[in-house]
Amino acid sequence: MTFEEIKNILQHKTVGIAGAGGLGSNCAVALARVGTGTLIIADFDVVSESNLNRQYFFYDQIGKPKADSLKANIQRINPAVTVIAHKICLTKENIPVLFRDCDIIVEAFDQADQKEMLIETVLTVFPEKPLIIGLGMAGWGKNDAIHCRKVDNMFICGDEVSEIAPDLPPIAPRVGMVANMQANIVLEILLK
């Protein structure tokens, strides 16, 4: 399949991204670079300096909402991509509304309770939609531990064990690997 054929398919697809941090921002950029038609991005947070070690933001965006900043960055990369940015905290009540038109949903949260809430909501409300989650990307090295595992209609990307801790922070290389793995799974599903 040529890149033009890929773009022709992807331009009609919609991907929801829950969270615009390390996973979400990098996954969204990868999907924008290949011409995904619409990205629906939801995040309530603002860019902080500590985010810049792994998230697709710039120093002059510190203090600005992540959803809006990511939309601006994507528009610079590929203005043909429609980005619908929601500055909102996702809940089990608003997820069905915000992501109803998505072909695929990507989970990109930091907090375990938020991940659990999103997974349970999506699997209950949208059991037919593929859900791609990130689990275990803290630290560095151990490239061979990062993998993808399919469970029904859910894809788990990461090493599934490396939890974020003060002495095991999330940093660009492993976070980027998992985010790009998530984007690659999106393409694998959408391009069949």
N, C-alpha and C. Protein backbone atom coordinates (compact mmCIF):
# COMPACT_ATOMS: atom_id res chain seq x y z
N MET A 1 0.84 -1.17 0.00
CA MET A 1 0.00 0.00 0.00
C MET A 1 0.90 1.24 0.00
N THR A 2 0.64 2.17 -0.90
CA THR A 2 1.43 3.39 -0.98
C THR A 2 1.01 4.37 0.12
N PHE A 3 1.85 5.38 0.36
CA PHE A 3 1.49 6.38 1.38
C PHE A 3 0.24 7.14 0.96
N GLU A 4 0.06 7.38 -0.31
CA GLU A 4 -1.16 8.06 -0.78
C GLU A 4 -2.39 7.21 -0.51
N GLU A 5 -2.29 5.91 -0.72
CA GLU A 5 -3.41 5.01 -0.41
C GLU A 5 -3.71 5.00 1.09
N ILE A 6 -2.65 5.01 1.88
CA ILE A 6 -2.82 5.05 3.34
C ILE A 6 -3.55 6.33 3.75
N LYS A 7 -3.08 7.47 3.23
CA LYS A 7 -3.72 8.75 3.56
C LYS A 7 -5.18 8.79 3.11
N ASN A 8 -5.47 8.21 1.97
CA ASN A 8 -6.85 8.20 1.46
C ASN A 8 -7.79 7.43 2.39
N ILE A 9 -7.29 6.37 3.00
CA ILE A 9 -8.10 5.62 3.96
C ILE A 9 -8.22 6.38 5.27
N LEU A 10 -7.08 6.85 5.78
CA LEU A 10 -7.05 7.47 7.11
C LEU A 10 -7.80 8.80 7.18
N GLN A 11 -7.88 9.52 6.06
CA GLN A 11 -8.53 10.83 6.11
C GLN A 11 -10.02 10.74 6.48
N HIS A 12 -10.58 9.56 6.39
CA HIS A 12 -12.00 9.36 6.73
C HIS A 12 -12.18 8.72 8.11
N LYS A 13 -11.11 8.62 8.88
CA LYS A 13 -11.16 7.95 10.19
C LYS A 13 -11.07 8.95 11.33
N THR A 14 -11.64 8.58 12.47
CA THR A 14 -11.63 9.41 13.67
C THR A 14 -11.07 8.60 14.83
N VAL A 15 -10.09 9.18 15.51
CA VAL A 15 -9.47 8.53 16.65
C VAL A 15 -9.63 9.43 17.87
N GLY A 16 -10.10 8.85 18.96
CA GLY A 16 -10.21 9.57 20.23
C GLY A 16 -8.99 9.30 21.08
N ILE A 17 -8.48 10.36 21.69
CA ILE A 17 -7.30 10.22 22.56
C ILE A 17 -7.64 10.81 23.92
N ALA A 18 -7.66 9.95 24.93
CA ALA A 18 -8.00 10.34 26.29
C ALA A 18 -6.72 10.66 27.04
N GLY A 19 -6.39 11.94 27.09
CA GLY A 19 -5.16 12.40 27.73
C GLY A 19 -4.19 12.94 26.70
N ALA A 20 -3.58 14.08 27.02
CA ALA A 20 -2.65 14.72 26.08
C ALA A 20 -1.27 14.89 26.69
N GLY A 21 -0.89 13.95 27.53
CA GLY A 21 0.44 13.99 28.13
C GLY A 21 1.46 13.26 27.29
N GLY A 22 2.32 12.49 27.95
CA GLY A 22 3.39 11.80 27.24
C GLY A 22 2.89 10.84 26.19
N LEU A 23 1.97 9.96 26.54
CA LEU A 23 1.41 9.02 25.56
C LEU A 23 0.53 9.75 24.55
N GLY A 24 -0.44 10.51 25.04
CA GLY A 24 -1.42 11.12 24.16
C GLY A 24 -0.84 12.11 23.17
N SER A 25 0.07 12.98 23.63
CA SER A 25 0.62 13.98 22.72
C SER A 25 1.47 13.33 21.64
N ASN A 26 2.29 12.37 22.01
CA ASN A 26 3.15 11.71 21.03
C ASN A 26 2.37 10.81 20.09
N CYS A 27 1.36 10.11 20.59
CA CYS A 27 0.52 9.27 19.74
C CYS A 27 -0.24 10.15 18.75
N ALA A 28 -0.80 11.26 19.23
CA ALA A 28 -1.56 12.17 18.35
C ALA A 28 -0.68 12.73 17.24
N VAL A 29 0.54 13.10 17.57
CA VAL A 29 1.45 13.63 16.56
C VAL A 29 1.76 12.57 15.50
N ALA A 30 2.02 11.34 15.95
CA ALA A 30 2.29 10.26 14.99
C ALA A 30 1.09 10.05 14.06
N LEU A 31 -0.11 10.07 14.62
CA LEU A 31 -1.32 9.87 13.80
C LEU A 31 -1.57 11.05 12.87
N ALA A 32 -1.23 12.25 13.31
CA ALA A 32 -1.38 13.43 12.45
C ALA A 32 -0.40 13.37 11.29
N ARG A 33 0.81 12.92 11.54
CA ARG A 33 1.83 12.88 10.48
C ARG A 33 1.44 11.93 9.34
N VAL A 34 0.65 10.92 9.64
CA VAL A 34 0.23 9.99 8.59
C VAL A 34 -1.13 10.35 8.00
N GLY A 35 -1.74 11.44 8.48
CA GLY A 35 -2.96 11.94 7.85
C GLY A 35 -4.27 11.42 8.39
N THR A 36 -4.31 11.02 9.66
CA THR A 36 -5.59 10.62 10.25
C THR A 36 -6.55 11.80 10.15
N GLY A 37 -7.75 11.56 9.68
CA GLY A 37 -8.69 12.64 9.38
C GLY A 37 -9.09 13.50 10.54
N THR A 38 -9.52 12.87 11.64
CA THR A 38 -9.97 13.62 12.81
C THR A 38 -9.40 13.01 14.08
N LEU A 39 -8.89 13.87 14.92
CA LEU A 39 -8.43 13.47 16.25
C LEU A 39 -9.28 14.20 17.28
N ILE A 40 -9.90 13.45 18.17
CA ILE A 40 -10.65 14.04 19.27
C ILE A 40 -9.81 13.85 20.52
N ILE A 41 -9.33 14.97 21.07
CA ILE A 41 -8.38 14.95 22.18
C ILE A 41 -9.04 15.57 23.41
N ALA A 42 -8.95 14.89 24.54
CA ALA A 42 -9.52 15.41 25.79
C ALA A 42 -8.48 15.37 26.89
N ASP A 43 -8.28 16.53 27.53
CA ASP A 43 -7.34 16.64 28.66
C ASP A 43 -7.68 17.92 29.42
N PHE A 44 -7.65 17.87 30.73
CA PHE A 44 -7.99 19.03 31.56
C PHE A 44 -6.77 19.81 32.02
N ASP A 45 -5.58 19.28 31.83
CA ASP A 45 -4.36 19.80 32.44
C ASP A 45 -3.71 20.90 31.60
N VAL A 46 -2.73 21.57 32.20
CA VAL A 46 -1.92 22.57 31.49
C VAL A 46 -0.49 22.07 31.39
N VAL A 47 0.23 22.60 30.43
CA VAL A 47 1.63 22.22 30.21
C VAL A 47 2.48 22.78 31.34
N SER A 48 3.34 21.94 31.89
CA SER A 48 4.30 22.39 32.90
C SER A 48 5.71 22.08 32.39
N GLU A 49 6.69 22.76 32.96
CA GLU A 49 8.07 22.55 32.52
C GLU A 49 8.49 21.09 32.69
N SER A 50 8.02 20.45 33.75
CA SER A 50 8.39 19.05 33.99
C SER A 50 7.84 18.11 32.92
N ASN A 51 6.84 18.54 32.16
CA ASN A 51 6.27 17.71 31.08
C ASN A 51 7.18 17.65 29.86
N LEU A 52 8.05 18.63 29.71
CA LEU A 52 8.80 18.78 28.46
C LEU A 52 9.82 17.66 28.23
N ASN A 53 10.10 16.84 29.25
CA ASN A 53 11.05 15.75 29.05
C ASN A 53 10.46 14.59 28.26
N ARG A 54 9.13 14.63 28.01
CA ARG A 54 8.52 13.48 27.32
C ARG A 54 7.27 13.83 26.53
N GLN A 55 6.76 15.04 26.63
CA GLN A 55 5.51 15.39 25.99
C GLN A 55 5.75 16.33 24.81
N TYR A 56 4.88 16.27 23.81
CA TYR A 56 5.08 17.03 22.57
C TYR A 56 4.58 18.46 22.72
N PHE A 57 5.27 19.20 23.60
CA PHE A 57 4.98 20.61 23.82
C PHE A 57 6.29 21.38 23.81
N PHE A 58 6.17 22.70 23.85
CA PHE A 58 7.33 23.57 23.77
C PHE A 58 7.35 24.52 24.96
N TYR A 59 8.53 25.05 25.24
CA TYR A 59 8.73 25.90 26.41
C TYR A 59 7.74 27.06 26.46
N ASP A 60 7.44 27.66 25.31
CA ASP A 60 6.53 28.81 25.30
C ASP A 60 5.06 28.41 25.53
N GLN A 61 4.80 27.11 25.64
CA GLN A 61 3.42 26.64 25.91
C GLN A 61 3.19 26.33 27.39
N ILE A 62 4.21 26.53 28.21
CA ILE A 62 4.06 26.28 29.66
C ILE A 62 2.93 27.17 30.19
N GLY A 63 2.04 26.55 30.95
CA GLY A 63 0.90 27.26 31.54
C GLY A 63 -0.34 27.26 30.68
N LYS A 64 -0.22 26.80 29.44
CA LYS A 64 -1.37 26.77 28.52
C LYS A 64 -2.02 25.39 28.57
N PRO A 65 -3.31 25.31 28.28
CA PRO A 65 -3.99 24.00 28.28
C PRO A 65 -3.35 23.03 27.29
N LYS A 66 -3.15 21.80 27.74
CA LYS A 66 -2.55 20.79 26.88
C LYS A 66 -3.38 20.53 25.63
N ALA A 67 -4.69 20.44 25.78
CA ALA A 67 -5.55 20.14 24.62
C ALA A 67 -5.39 21.21 23.54
N ASP A 68 -5.41 22.48 23.92
CA ASP A 68 -5.27 23.57 22.95
C ASP A 68 -3.86 23.61 22.37
N SER A 69 -2.86 23.40 23.20
CA SER A 69 -1.47 23.43 22.74
C SER A 69 -1.19 22.30 21.76
N LEU A 70 -1.71 21.12 22.06
CA LEU A 70 -1.51 19.99 21.16
C LEU A 70 -2.21 20.23 19.83
N LYS A 71 -3.40 20.79 19.88
CA LYS A 71 -4.11 21.13 18.65
C LYS A 71 -3.27 22.10 17.80
N ALA A 72 -2.71 23.11 18.42
CA ALA A 72 -1.87 24.08 17.69
C ALA A 72 -0.65 23.41 17.08
N ASN A 73 -0.01 22.51 17.83
CA ASN A 73 1.17 21.82 17.32
C ASN A 73 0.82 20.92 16.14
N ILE A 74 -0.29 20.22 16.24
CA ILE A 74 -0.72 19.33 15.15
C ILE A 74 -1.06 20.15 13.91
N GLN A 75 -1.69 21.27 14.09
CA GLN A 75 -2.04 22.11 12.93
C GLN A 75 -0.79 22.60 12.21
N ARG A 76 0.30 22.79 12.93
CA ARG A 76 1.58 23.17 12.30
C ARG A 76 2.18 21.98 11.54
N ILE A 77 1.96 20.77 12.05
CA ILE A 77 2.49 19.56 11.42
C ILE A 77 1.68 19.18 10.20
N ASN A 78 0.35 19.17 10.35
CA ASN A 78 -0.51 18.73 9.25
C ASN A 78 -1.87 19.45 9.36
N PRO A 79 -1.98 20.60 8.67
CA PRO A 79 -3.24 21.36 8.77
C PRO A 79 -4.44 20.65 8.17
N ALA A 80 -4.24 19.54 7.46
CA ALA A 80 -5.37 18.79 6.90
C ALA A 80 -6.09 17.96 7.96
N VAL A 81 -5.46 17.75 9.11
CA VAL A 81 -6.07 16.97 10.18
C VAL A 81 -7.02 17.86 10.98
N THR A 82 -8.22 17.39 11.20
CA THR A 82 -9.17 18.10 12.06
C THR A 82 -8.91 17.66 13.50
N VAL A 83 -8.66 18.63 14.36
CA VAL A 83 -8.43 18.33 15.77
C VAL A 83 -9.56 18.97 16.57
N ILE A 84 -10.28 18.13 17.30
CA ILE A 84 -11.33 18.61 18.20
C ILE A 84 -10.76 18.46 19.61
N ALA A 85 -10.44 19.60 20.22
CA ALA A 85 -9.79 19.61 21.53
C ALA A 85 -10.80 19.96 22.61
N HIS A 86 -10.84 19.13 23.63
CA HIS A 86 -11.73 19.35 24.77
C HIS A 86 -10.89 19.57 26.03
N LYS A 87 -11.01 20.74 26.63
CA LYS A 87 -10.35 21.02 27.91
C LYS A 87 -11.31 20.56 29.00
N ILE A 88 -11.22 19.28 29.33
CA ILE A 88 -12.22 18.69 30.21
C ILE A 88 -11.61 17.48 30.92
N CYS A 89 -12.08 17.26 32.13
CA CYS A 89 -11.74 16.04 32.86
C CYS A 89 -12.72 14.96 32.42
N LEU A 90 -12.20 13.87 31.91
CA LEU A 90 -13.07 12.81 31.43
C LEU A 90 -13.71 12.06 32.60
N THR A 91 -15.00 11.75 32.41
CA THR A 91 -15.77 11.00 33.41
C THR A 91 -16.55 9.91 32.69
N LYS A 92 -17.10 8.99 33.46
CA LYS A 92 -17.91 7.93 32.85
C LYS A 92 -19.16 8.50 32.19
N GLU A 93 -19.56 9.73 32.58
CA GLU A 93 -20.73 10.35 31.97
C GLU A 93 -20.41 11.04 30.64
N ASN A 94 -19.23 11.66 30.53
CA ASN A 94 -18.95 12.40 29.29
C ASN A 94 -18.17 11.60 28.24
N ILE A 95 -17.55 10.52 28.62
CA ILE A 95 -16.82 9.70 27.64
C ILE A 95 -17.74 9.21 26.51
N PRO A 96 -18.93 8.69 26.81
CA PRO A 96 -19.81 8.24 25.72
C PRO A 96 -20.20 9.35 24.75
N VAL A 97 -20.29 10.56 25.23
CA VAL A 97 -20.65 11.69 24.38
C VAL A 97 -19.46 12.14 23.54
N LEU A 98 -18.32 12.33 24.18
CA LEU A 98 -17.14 12.86 23.49
C LEU A 98 -16.57 11.90 22.45
N PHE A 99 -16.61 10.60 22.73
CA PHE A 99 -15.95 9.63 21.87
C PHE A 99 -16.91 8.76 21.05
N ARG A 100 -18.17 9.12 20.98
CA ARG A 100 -19.16 8.28 20.28
C ARG A 100 -18.85 8.13 18.79
N ASP A 101 -18.25 9.13 18.15
CA ASP A 101 -17.99 9.06 16.71
C ASP A 101 -16.62 8.50 16.35
N CYS A 102 -15.89 8.03 17.33
CA CYS A 102 -14.53 7.53 17.10
C CYS A 102 -14.54 6.09 16.57
N ASP A 103 -13.62 5.82 15.67
CA ASP A 103 -13.41 4.45 15.20
C ASP A 103 -12.61 3.65 16.22
N ILE A 104 -11.70 4.35 16.92
CA ILE A 104 -10.80 3.73 17.90
C ILE A 104 -10.60 4.74 19.03
N ILE A 105 -10.37 4.24 20.23
CA ILE A 105 -10.06 5.11 21.36
C ILE A 105 -8.70 4.71 21.93
N VAL A 106 -7.87 5.72 22.18
CA VAL A 106 -6.54 5.52 22.77
C VAL A 106 -6.58 6.06 24.20
N GLU A 107 -6.23 5.22 25.15
CA GLU A 107 -6.12 5.63 26.56
C GLU A 107 -4.71 6.11 26.80
N ALA A 108 -4.60 7.32 27.38
CA ALA A 108 -3.27 7.91 27.60
C ALA A 108 -3.24 8.66 28.94
N PHE A 109 -3.73 8.02 29.98
CA PHE A 109 -3.77 8.63 31.32
C PHE A 109 -2.54 8.24 32.13
N ASP A 110 -2.25 9.08 33.14
CA ASP A 110 -1.17 8.78 34.09
C ASP A 110 -1.66 7.99 35.30
N GLN A 111 -2.83 8.35 35.78
CA GLN A 111 -3.34 7.81 37.04
C GLN A 111 -4.10 6.49 36.84
N ALA A 112 -3.79 5.53 37.70
CA ALA A 112 -4.40 4.20 37.59
C ALA A 112 -5.92 4.25 37.73
N ASP A 113 -6.44 5.10 38.62
CA ASP A 113 -7.90 5.14 38.80
C ASP A 113 -8.59 5.71 37.56
N GLN A 114 -7.95 6.66 36.90
CA GLN A 114 -8.50 7.22 35.66
C GLN A 114 -8.46 6.20 34.53
N LYS A 115 -7.34 5.47 34.44
CA LYS A 115 -7.23 4.41 33.44
C LYS A 115 -8.36 3.39 33.62
N GLU A 116 -8.54 2.96 34.86
CA GLU A 116 -9.56 1.96 35.16
C GLU A 116 -10.96 2.47 34.78
N MET A 117 -11.24 3.73 35.13
CA MET A 117 -12.55 4.31 34.83
C MET A 117 -12.78 4.37 33.31
N LEU A 118 -11.77 4.79 32.57
CA LEU A 118 -11.92 4.88 31.11
C LEU A 118 -12.10 3.50 30.50
N ILE A 119 -11.29 2.55 30.91
CA ILE A 119 -11.38 1.19 30.37
C ILE A 119 -12.76 0.60 30.64
N GLU A 120 -13.21 0.69 31.88
CA GLU A 120 -14.53 0.13 32.22
C GLU A 120 -15.64 0.81 31.43
N THR A 121 -15.55 2.13 31.28
CA THR A 121 -16.59 2.87 30.55
C THR A 121 -16.61 2.48 29.08
N VAL A 122 -15.45 2.48 28.46
CA VAL A 122 -15.38 2.15 27.03
C VAL A 122 -15.82 0.72 26.77
N LEU A 123 -15.35 -0.22 27.58
CA LEU A 123 -15.72 -1.62 27.37
C LEU A 123 -17.22 -1.85 27.60
N THR A 124 -17.83 -1.05 28.45
CA THR A 124 -19.27 -1.17 28.71
C THR A 124 -20.10 -0.49 27.64
N VAL A 125 -19.75 0.74 27.32
CA VAL A 125 -20.55 1.56 26.40
C VAL A 125 -20.24 1.27 24.93
N PHE A 126 -18.97 1.04 24.63
CA PHE A 126 -18.53 0.82 23.25
C PHE A 126 -17.78 -0.50 23.12
N PRO A 127 -18.40 -1.63 23.41
CA PRO A 127 -17.65 -2.89 23.36
C PRO A 127 -17.11 -3.23 21.97
N GLU A 128 -17.69 -2.63 20.93
CA GLU A 128 -17.24 -2.91 19.56
C GLU A 128 -16.04 -2.06 19.14
N LYS A 129 -15.75 -1.00 19.89
CA LYS A 129 -14.64 -0.11 19.51
C LYS A 129 -13.33 -0.63 20.07
N PRO A 130 -12.30 -0.71 19.25
CA PRO A 130 -10.99 -1.06 19.78
C PRO A 130 -10.52 0.00 20.77
N LEU A 131 -9.92 -0.45 21.86
CA LEU A 131 -9.35 0.41 22.88
C LEU A 131 -7.88 0.05 23.03
N ILE A 132 -7.03 1.07 22.93
CA ILE A 132 -5.59 0.84 23.00
C ILE A 132 -5.06 1.57 24.22
N ILE A 133 -4.50 0.82 25.16
CA ILE A 133 -4.04 1.42 26.41
C ILE A 133 -2.52 1.30 26.54
N GLY A 134 -1.97 2.18 27.37
CA GLY A 134 -0.56 2.13 27.71
C GLY A 134 -0.40 1.69 29.14
N LEU A 135 0.50 0.75 29.37
CA LEU A 135 0.69 0.22 30.72
C LEU A 135 2.13 -0.24 30.90
N GLY A 136 2.89 0.52 31.69
CA GLY A 136 4.26 0.14 31.99
C GLY A 136 5.27 0.73 31.03
N MET A 137 5.69 1.98 31.30
CA MET A 137 6.67 2.63 30.43
C MET A 137 7.65 3.49 31.20
N ALA A 138 7.61 3.43 32.52
CA ALA A 138 8.49 4.27 33.33
C ALA A 138 9.94 3.83 33.20
N GLY A 139 10.85 4.76 33.43
CA GLY A 139 12.27 4.46 33.44
C GLY A 139 12.90 4.50 32.06
N TRP A 140 13.93 3.68 31.89
CA TRP A 140 14.70 3.68 30.66
C TRP A 140 15.22 2.26 30.41
N GLY A 141 15.73 2.05 29.20
CA GLY A 141 16.26 0.73 28.86
C GLY A 141 15.17 -0.33 28.73
N LYS A 142 15.59 -1.58 28.75
CA LYS A 142 14.68 -2.73 28.68
C LYS A 142 13.75 -2.66 27.47
N ASN A 143 14.31 -2.32 26.32
CA ASN A 143 13.51 -2.22 25.09
C ASN A 143 12.76 -3.50 24.80
N ASP A 144 13.41 -4.64 25.04
CA ASP A 144 12.79 -5.92 24.69
C ASP A 144 11.61 -6.28 25.58
N ALA A 145 11.40 -5.55 26.68
CA ALA A 145 10.26 -5.82 27.56
C ALA A 145 8.98 -5.17 27.06
N ILE A 146 9.10 -4.20 26.18
CA ILE A 146 7.92 -3.50 25.69
C ILE A 146 7.26 -4.33 24.59
N HIS A 147 5.97 -4.52 24.73
CA HIS A 147 5.24 -5.39 23.81
C HIS A 147 3.79 -4.92 23.69
N CYS A 148 3.04 -5.61 22.87
CA CYS A 148 1.61 -5.36 22.75
C CYS A 148 0.90 -6.70 22.96
N ARG A 149 -0.16 -6.64 23.76
CA ARG A 149 -0.95 -7.83 24.03
C ARG A 149 -2.41 -7.51 23.80
N LYS A 150 -3.11 -8.39 23.10
CA LYS A 150 -4.53 -8.19 22.79
C LYS A 150 -5.37 -9.03 23.74
N VAL A 151 -6.37 -8.35 24.33
CA VAL A 151 -7.35 -9.01 25.19
C VAL A 151 -8.72 -8.60 24.67
N ASP A 152 -9.39 -9.52 23.99
CA ASP A 152 -10.67 -9.22 23.34
C ASP A 152 -10.48 -8.03 22.39
N ASN A 153 -11.14 -6.91 22.66
CA ASN A 153 -11.05 -5.75 21.77
C ASN A 153 -10.16 -4.65 22.37
N MET A 154 -9.29 -5.03 23.31
CA MET A 154 -8.38 -4.10 23.96
C MET A 154 -6.94 -4.52 23.68
N PHE A 155 -6.11 -3.52 23.41
CA PHE A 155 -4.70 -3.75 23.12
C PHE A 155 -3.89 -3.06 24.21
N ILE A 156 -3.01 -3.78 24.88
CA ILE A 156 -2.20 -3.25 25.97
C ILE A 156 -0.77 -3.09 25.47
N CYS A 157 -0.28 -1.84 25.48
CA CYS A 157 1.07 -1.53 25.00
C CYS A 157 1.93 -1.09 26.17
N GLY A 158 3.12 -1.67 26.30
CA GLY A 158 4.06 -1.33 27.36
C GLY A 158 4.68 -2.60 27.91
N ASP A 159 5.35 -2.48 29.05
CA ASP A 159 5.92 -3.69 29.65
C ASP A 159 5.01 -4.27 30.73
N GLU A 160 3.92 -3.56 31.06
CA GLU A 160 2.89 -3.98 32.01
C GLU A 160 3.37 -4.09 33.45
N VAL A 161 4.60 -3.62 33.75
CA VAL A 161 5.08 -3.71 35.13
C VAL A 161 5.75 -2.42 35.63
N SER A 162 6.34 -1.62 34.78
CA SER A 162 7.12 -0.46 35.21
C SER A 162 6.22 0.71 35.59
N GLU A 163 5.86 0.77 36.88
CA GLU A 163 5.02 1.85 37.38
C GLU A 163 5.87 3.09 37.67
N ILE A 164 5.28 4.25 37.42
CA ILE A 164 5.95 5.51 37.67
C ILE A 164 6.17 5.68 39.17
N ALA A 165 7.39 6.10 39.54
CA ALA A 165 7.76 6.35 40.92
C ALA A 165 8.84 7.43 40.93
N PRO A 166 9.09 8.05 42.08
CA PRO A 166 10.12 9.09 42.11
C PRO A 166 11.48 8.63 41.56
N ASP A 167 11.83 7.38 41.82
CA ASP A 167 13.11 6.87 41.32
C ASP A 167 12.97 6.11 39.99
N LEU A 168 11.79 6.15 39.41
CA LEU A 168 11.53 5.52 38.11
C LEU A 168 10.55 6.42 37.34
N PRO A 169 11.06 7.60 36.91
CA PRO A 169 10.17 8.57 36.26
C PRO A 169 9.86 8.19 34.81
N PRO A 170 8.77 8.76 34.30
CA PRO A 170 8.50 8.59 32.87
C PRO A 170 9.37 9.58 32.10
N ILE A 171 10.15 9.07 31.14
CA ILE A 171 10.98 9.95 30.32
C ILE A 171 10.83 9.58 28.85
N ALA A 172 11.28 10.46 28.00
CA ALA A 172 10.96 10.42 26.57
C ALA A 172 11.16 9.08 25.86
N PRO A 173 12.30 8.40 25.98
CA PRO A 173 12.48 7.21 25.13
C PRO A 173 11.42 6.13 25.30
N ARG A 174 11.18 5.67 26.53
CA ARG A 174 10.19 4.59 26.71
C ARG A 174 8.76 5.08 26.52
N VAL A 175 8.46 6.29 26.98
CA VAL A 175 7.13 6.84 26.76
C VAL A 175 6.87 6.97 25.26
N GLY A 176 7.86 7.48 24.52
CA GLY A 176 7.72 7.62 23.07
C GLY A 176 7.55 6.27 22.37
N MET A 177 8.27 5.25 22.85
CA MET A 177 8.14 3.92 22.26
C MET A 177 6.71 3.41 22.40
N VAL A 178 6.15 3.56 23.60
CA VAL A 178 4.80 3.05 23.84
C VAL A 178 3.77 3.88 23.07
N ALA A 179 3.95 5.21 23.05
CA ALA A 179 3.02 6.08 22.32
C ALA A 179 3.02 5.74 20.83
N ASN A 180 4.20 5.51 20.28
CA ASN A 180 4.27 5.15 18.86
C ASN A 180 3.77 3.74 18.60
N MET A 181 3.92 2.86 19.57
CA MET A 181 3.33 1.53 19.45
C MET A 181 1.80 1.65 19.43
N GLN A 182 1.25 2.50 20.28
CA GLN A 182 -0.19 2.73 20.27
C GLN A 182 -0.64 3.25 18.90
N ALA A 183 0.09 4.23 18.36
CA ALA A 183 -0.26 4.77 17.03
C ALA A 183 -0.16 3.69 15.96
N ASN A 184 0.84 2.84 16.07
CA ASN A 184 1.03 1.78 15.09
C ASN A 184 -0.12 0.76 15.14
N ILE A 185 -0.60 0.46 16.34
CA ILE A 185 -1.76 -0.44 16.48
C ILE A 185 -2.99 0.21 15.86
N VAL A 186 -3.17 1.54 16.08
CA VAL A 186 -4.28 2.25 15.44
C VAL A 186 -4.23 2.04 13.93
N LEU A 187 -3.05 2.23 13.33
CA LEU A 187 -2.91 2.06 11.88
C LEU A 187 -3.18 0.62 11.48
N GLU A 188 -2.67 -0.32 12.23
CA GLU A 188 -2.88 -1.73 11.91
C GLU A 188 -4.38 -2.06 11.85
N ILE A 189 -5.14 -1.51 12.78
CA ILE A 189 -6.58 -1.76 12.82
C ILE A 189 -7.30 -1.03 11.68
N LEU A 190 -6.99 0.27 11.51
CA LEU A 190 -7.70 1.06 10.52
C LEU A 190 -7.36 0.68 9.08
N LEU A 191 -6.15 0.22 8.86
CA LEU A 191 -5.74 -0.14 7.50
C LEU A 191 -5.97 -1.62 7.22
N LYS A 192 -6.34 -2.38 8.21
CA LYS A 192 -6.64 -3.82 8.11
C LYS A 192 -5.60 -4.55 7.28
